[in-house]
N, C-alpha and C. Protein backbone atom coordinates (compact mmCIF):
# COMPACT_ATOMS: atom_id res chain seq x y z
N UNK A 1 5.36 9.46 -33.12
CA UNK A 1 4.61 9.80 -32.10
C UNK A 1 4.06 8.63 -31.44
N UNK A 2 3.69 8.50 -30.51
CA UNK A 2 2.86 7.23 -29.99
C UNK A 2 1.55 8.29 -29.12
N UNK A 3 0.52 7.25 -29.33
CA UNK A 3 -0.74 7.84 -28.93
C UNK A 3 -1.38 7.03 -27.91
N UNK A 4 -1.77 7.50 -26.68
CA UNK A 4 -2.23 6.52 -25.66
C UNK A 4 -3.50 6.94 -25.11
N UNK A 5 -4.46 6.28 -24.45
CA UNK A 5 -5.74 6.60 -23.78
C UNK A 5 -5.65 6.76 -22.53
N UNK A 6 -5.91 7.92 -21.89
CA UNK A 6 -6.02 8.24 -20.73
C UNK A 6 -7.81 8.10 -19.93
N UNK A 7 -7.91 7.16 -19.18
CA UNK A 7 -8.89 7.39 -18.47
C UNK A 7 -8.78 7.81 -17.12
N UNK A 8 -10.03 8.52 -16.67
CA UNK A 8 -9.69 9.02 -15.24
C UNK A 8 -11.04 8.58 -14.47
N UNK A 9 -11.02 8.67 -13.26
CA UNK A 9 -11.91 8.06 -12.34
C UNK A 9 -12.13 8.85 -11.50
N UNK A 10 -13.15 8.93 -11.04
CA UNK A 10 -13.59 9.67 -9.62
C UNK A 10 -13.21 10.88 -9.88
N UNK A 11 -12.34 11.55 -8.46
CA UNK A 11 -12.52 12.63 -8.49
C UNK A 11 -11.20 13.45 -9.44
N UNK A 12 -10.19 12.28 -10.01
CA UNK A 12 -9.80 12.65 -11.22
C UNK A 12 -10.40 13.04 -12.68
N UNK A 13 -11.21 12.22 -12.71
CA UNK A 13 -12.39 12.76 -13.84
C UNK A 13 -13.02 14.18 -14.01
N UNK A 14 -13.47 14.10 -12.14
CA UNK A 14 -14.04 15.87 -12.07
C UNK A 14 -12.51 16.91 -12.16
N UNK A 15 -11.61 16.22 -11.83
CA UNK A 15 -10.35 17.80 -11.98
C UNK A 15 -10.01 17.38 -13.43
N UNK A 16 -9.84 16.79 -14.29
CA UNK A 16 -9.71 16.75 -15.64
C UNK A 16 -10.84 17.36 -16.46
N UNK A 17 -12.11 17.37 -16.18
CA UNK A 17 -13.28 17.54 -16.66
C UNK A 17 -13.74 16.22 -17.86
N UNK A 18 -13.00 15.75 -17.99
CA UNK A 18 -13.50 14.35 -19.00
C UNK A 18 -12.98 13.17 -18.69
N UNK A 19 -14.15 12.30 -19.16
CA UNK A 19 -13.96 10.89 -18.88
C UNK A 19 -12.50 9.94 -19.48
N UNK A 20 -12.45 10.26 -20.43
CA UNK A 20 -10.81 9.76 -21.07
C UNK A 20 -10.40 10.71 -22.31
N UNK A 21 -9.36 10.76 -22.57
CA UNK A 21 -9.08 11.87 -23.41
C UNK A 21 -7.53 11.06 -24.63
N UNK A 22 -7.73 11.09 -25.59
CA UNK A 22 -6.38 10.49 -26.52
C UNK A 22 -5.24 11.56 -26.15
N UNK A 23 -3.61 10.88 -25.59
CA UNK A 23 -2.76 12.04 -25.67
C UNK A 23 -1.65 11.47 -26.27
N UNK A 24 -1.08 12.61 -27.18
CA UNK A 24 -0.01 11.94 -28.15
C UNK A 24 1.21 12.37 -27.37
N UNK A 25 2.78 11.67 -27.74
CA UNK A 25 3.36 12.03 -26.94
C UNK A 25 4.65 11.34 -28.04
N UNK A 26 6.17 12.06 -27.94
CA UNK A 26 6.79 12.01 -28.57
C UNK A 26 7.23 10.07 -28.50
N UNK A 27 7.82 9.61 -29.72
CA UNK A 27 8.44 7.91 -29.60
C UNK A 27 9.46 8.03 -28.38
N UNK A 28 9.22 6.58 -27.75
CA UNK A 28 10.15 6.71 -26.63
C UNK A 28 9.69 7.44 -25.27
N UNK A 29 8.20 7.85 -25.15
CA UNK A 29 7.93 8.25 -24.20
C UNK A 29 7.81 7.00 -23.19
N UNK A 30 7.47 7.44 -21.62
CA UNK A 30 7.41 7.14 -20.80
C UNK A 30 6.15 7.54 -19.99
N UNK A 31 5.92 6.75 -18.85
CA UNK A 31 4.36 7.12 -17.92
C UNK A 31 4.86 8.70 -17.63
N UNK A 32 6.13 8.76 -17.16
CA UNK A 32 6.26 9.97 -16.27
C UNK A 32 6.03 10.96 -17.47
N UNK A 33 6.40 11.01 -18.65
CA UNK A 33 6.28 12.12 -19.47
C UNK A 33 4.73 12.46 -19.81
N UNK A 34 3.90 11.15 -19.88
CA UNK A 34 2.42 11.07 -20.05
C UNK A 34 2.03 11.85 -18.55
N UNK A 35 2.63 11.77 -17.49
CA UNK A 35 1.85 12.40 -16.49
C UNK A 35 2.44 13.85 -16.75
N UNK A 36 3.30 14.29 -17.03
CA UNK A 36 4.11 15.69 -17.25
C UNK A 36 2.94 16.34 -18.11
N UNK A 37 2.68 15.80 -19.15
CA UNK A 37 1.61 16.34 -20.14
C UNK A 37 0.36 16.37 -19.62
N UNK A 38 -0.10 15.70 -18.78
CA UNK A 38 -1.25 15.84 -18.35
C UNK A 38 -1.65 17.09 -17.52
N UNK A 39 -0.38 17.13 -16.77
CA UNK A 39 -0.64 18.78 -15.85
C UNK A 39 -0.92 19.79 -16.77
N UNK A 40 0.03 19.66 -17.77
CA UNK A 40 -0.33 20.57 -19.19
C UNK A 40 -1.61 20.83 -19.60
N UNK A 41 -2.24 19.59 -19.99
CA UNK A 41 -3.44 19.73 -20.30
C UNK A 41 -4.56 20.39 -19.60
N UNK A 42 -4.30 19.94 -18.09
CA UNK A 42 -5.35 20.11 -17.38
C UNK A 42 -4.43 21.05 -16.00
N UNK A 43 -4.10 22.18 -16.10
CA UNK A 43 -2.99 23.06 -15.25
C UNK A 43 -4.17 23.62 -13.95
N UNK A 44 -5.39 23.58 -14.03
CA UNK A 44 -6.04 24.49 -12.96
C UNK A 44 -6.02 23.24 -11.64
N UNK A 45 -6.26 22.05 -12.07
CA UNK A 45 -7.26 21.27 -10.84
C UNK A 45 -6.15 20.11 -10.62
N UNK A 46 -5.87 19.39 -11.97
CA UNK A 46 -5.59 18.19 -12.00
C UNK A 46 -4.00 18.00 -11.48
N UNK A 47 -2.99 19.02 -11.64
CA UNK A 47 -1.87 18.91 -10.95
C UNK A 47 -1.36 18.29 -9.74
N UNK A 48 -2.36 19.15 -8.65
CA UNK A 48 -1.91 18.56 -7.02
C UNK A 48 -3.01 17.37 -6.96
N UNK A 49 -3.94 16.76 -7.74
CA UNK A 49 -4.53 15.61 -7.47
C UNK A 49 -3.28 14.63 -7.75
N UNK A 50 -2.46 14.76 -9.07
CA UNK A 50 -1.66 14.00 -9.49
C UNK A 50 -0.56 13.29 -8.70
N UNK A 51 -0.39 14.34 -7.83
CA UNK A 51 0.53 13.77 -6.65
C UNK A 51 0.31 12.68 -5.92
N UNK A 52 -1.19 12.61 -5.40
CA UNK A 52 -1.19 11.45 -4.85
C UNK A 52 -1.86 10.28 -5.74
N UNK A 53 -2.03 10.07 -6.83
CA UNK A 53 -3.05 9.21 -7.86
C UNK A 53 -2.32 7.91 -7.56
N UNK A 54 -2.84 6.74 -8.21
CA UNK A 54 -2.35 5.74 -8.76
C UNK A 54 -2.53 5.75 -10.09
N UNK A 55 -1.62 4.72 -10.89
CA UNK A 55 -1.72 4.50 -12.20
C UNK A 55 -1.72 2.98 -12.52
N UNK A 56 -2.58 2.89 -13.72
CA UNK A 56 -2.54 1.20 -14.32
C UNK A 56 -2.12 1.82 -15.68
N UNK A 57 -1.21 0.56 -16.22
CA UNK A 57 -0.87 0.81 -17.44
C UNK A 57 -1.43 -0.45 -18.18
N UNK A 58 -2.77 -0.28 -19.36
CA UNK A 58 -3.10 -1.61 -19.81
C UNK A 58 -3.17 -2.40 -18.80
N UNK A 59 -3.91 -1.96 -17.68
CA UNK A 59 -4.49 -2.84 -16.25
C UNK A 59 -3.82 -3.17 -15.56
N UNK A 60 -2.35 -2.85 -15.53
CA UNK A 60 -1.51 -3.19 -14.70
C UNK A 60 -0.68 -2.01 -13.80
N UNK A 61 -0.81 -2.15 -12.28
CA UNK A 61 -0.47 -1.40 -11.70
C UNK A 61 0.77 -0.66 -12.11
N UNK A 62 1.05 0.56 -11.69
CA UNK A 62 2.20 1.31 -12.22
C UNK A 62 3.35 1.53 -11.11
N UNK A 63 4.44 1.36 -10.60
CA UNK A 63 4.88 1.84 -9.49
C UNK A 63 6.18 2.86 -10.13
N UNK A 64 6.66 2.39 -11.31
CA UNK A 64 8.01 2.69 -11.72
C UNK A 64 7.37 3.73 -13.11
N UNK A 65 7.40 4.86 -13.04
CA UNK A 65 7.00 6.00 -13.77
C UNK A 65 7.68 6.14 -14.83
N UNK A 66 8.90 5.37 -15.23
CA UNK A 66 10.01 5.22 -16.17
C UNK A 66 9.33 4.20 -17.37
N UNK A 67 8.37 3.30 -17.36
CA UNK A 67 8.13 2.79 -17.86
C UNK A 67 7.48 2.78 -19.37
N UNK A 68 8.03 2.55 -20.27
CA UNK A 68 7.94 3.11 -21.49
C UNK A 68 6.53 2.71 -21.90
N UNK A 69 5.90 3.51 -23.00
CA UNK A 69 4.57 3.79 -23.65
C UNK A 69 4.34 3.30 -25.05
N UNK A 70 3.37 2.21 -25.00
CA UNK A 70 3.28 1.87 -26.51
C UNK A 70 2.30 2.59 -27.27
N UNK A 71 2.06 2.53 -28.46
CA UNK A 71 0.90 3.00 -29.04
C UNK A 71 -0.32 2.13 -28.62
N UNK A 72 -1.52 3.08 -28.40
CA UNK A 72 -2.82 2.48 -27.87
C UNK A 72 -2.96 1.87 -26.75
N UNK A 73 -1.61 2.64 -25.66
CA UNK A 73 -1.57 1.83 -24.36
C UNK A 73 -2.53 2.88 -23.46
N UNK A 74 -3.46 2.20 -22.73
CA UNK A 74 -4.42 2.67 -21.72
C UNK A 74 -3.68 3.01 -20.53
N UNK A 75 -3.83 4.27 -19.87
CA UNK A 75 -3.54 4.76 -19.04
C UNK A 75 -4.48 5.15 -17.94
N UNK A 76 -4.75 4.59 -17.03
CA UNK A 76 -5.82 4.85 -15.83
C UNK A 76 -5.47 5.57 -14.48
N UNK A 77 -5.73 6.79 -14.73
CA UNK A 77 -5.58 7.76 -13.31
C UNK A 77 -6.80 7.28 -12.28
N UNK A 78 -5.82 6.64 -11.13
CA UNK A 78 -6.99 6.44 -9.90
C UNK A 78 -6.62 7.47 -8.93
N UNK A 79 -7.56 7.89 -8.23
CA UNK A 79 -7.36 8.93 -7.30
C UNK A 79 -7.33 7.95 -5.88
N UNK A 80 -6.89 8.48 -4.81
CA UNK A 80 -6.97 7.66 -3.45
C UNK A 80 -8.10 7.38 -3.14
N UNK A 81 -8.67 6.14 -2.64
CA UNK A 81 -9.95 6.03 -2.33
C UNK A 81 -9.99 5.69 -0.84
N UNK A 82 -11.05 6.22 -0.15
CA UNK A 82 -11.47 5.60 1.20
C UNK A 82 -12.42 4.37 1.20
N UNK A 83 -12.17 4.28 2.76
CA UNK A 83 -13.33 2.95 2.83
C UNK A 83 -12.26 1.85 3.00
N UNK A 84 -12.93 0.41 3.26
CA UNK A 84 -12.45 -0.38 3.54
C UNK A 84 -13.17 -1.93 3.02
């Protein structure tokens, strides 16, 4: 198993109902697996929002959801921001 820390920001925090949480996944898990698990953990409001969010993995933008996760990695969930 690998355990990561997921941090939620702005409307993602409101949808999840927590600022952050630890999520355990099988060895070899990827960002997409974490996203699927988040949908299961917060089925009421978060799944729809996850379609539009961006992710940071250990502070680096993730565009490829097949990136592998490592123990104690931090996955930030960032909703779209308006403004300029």
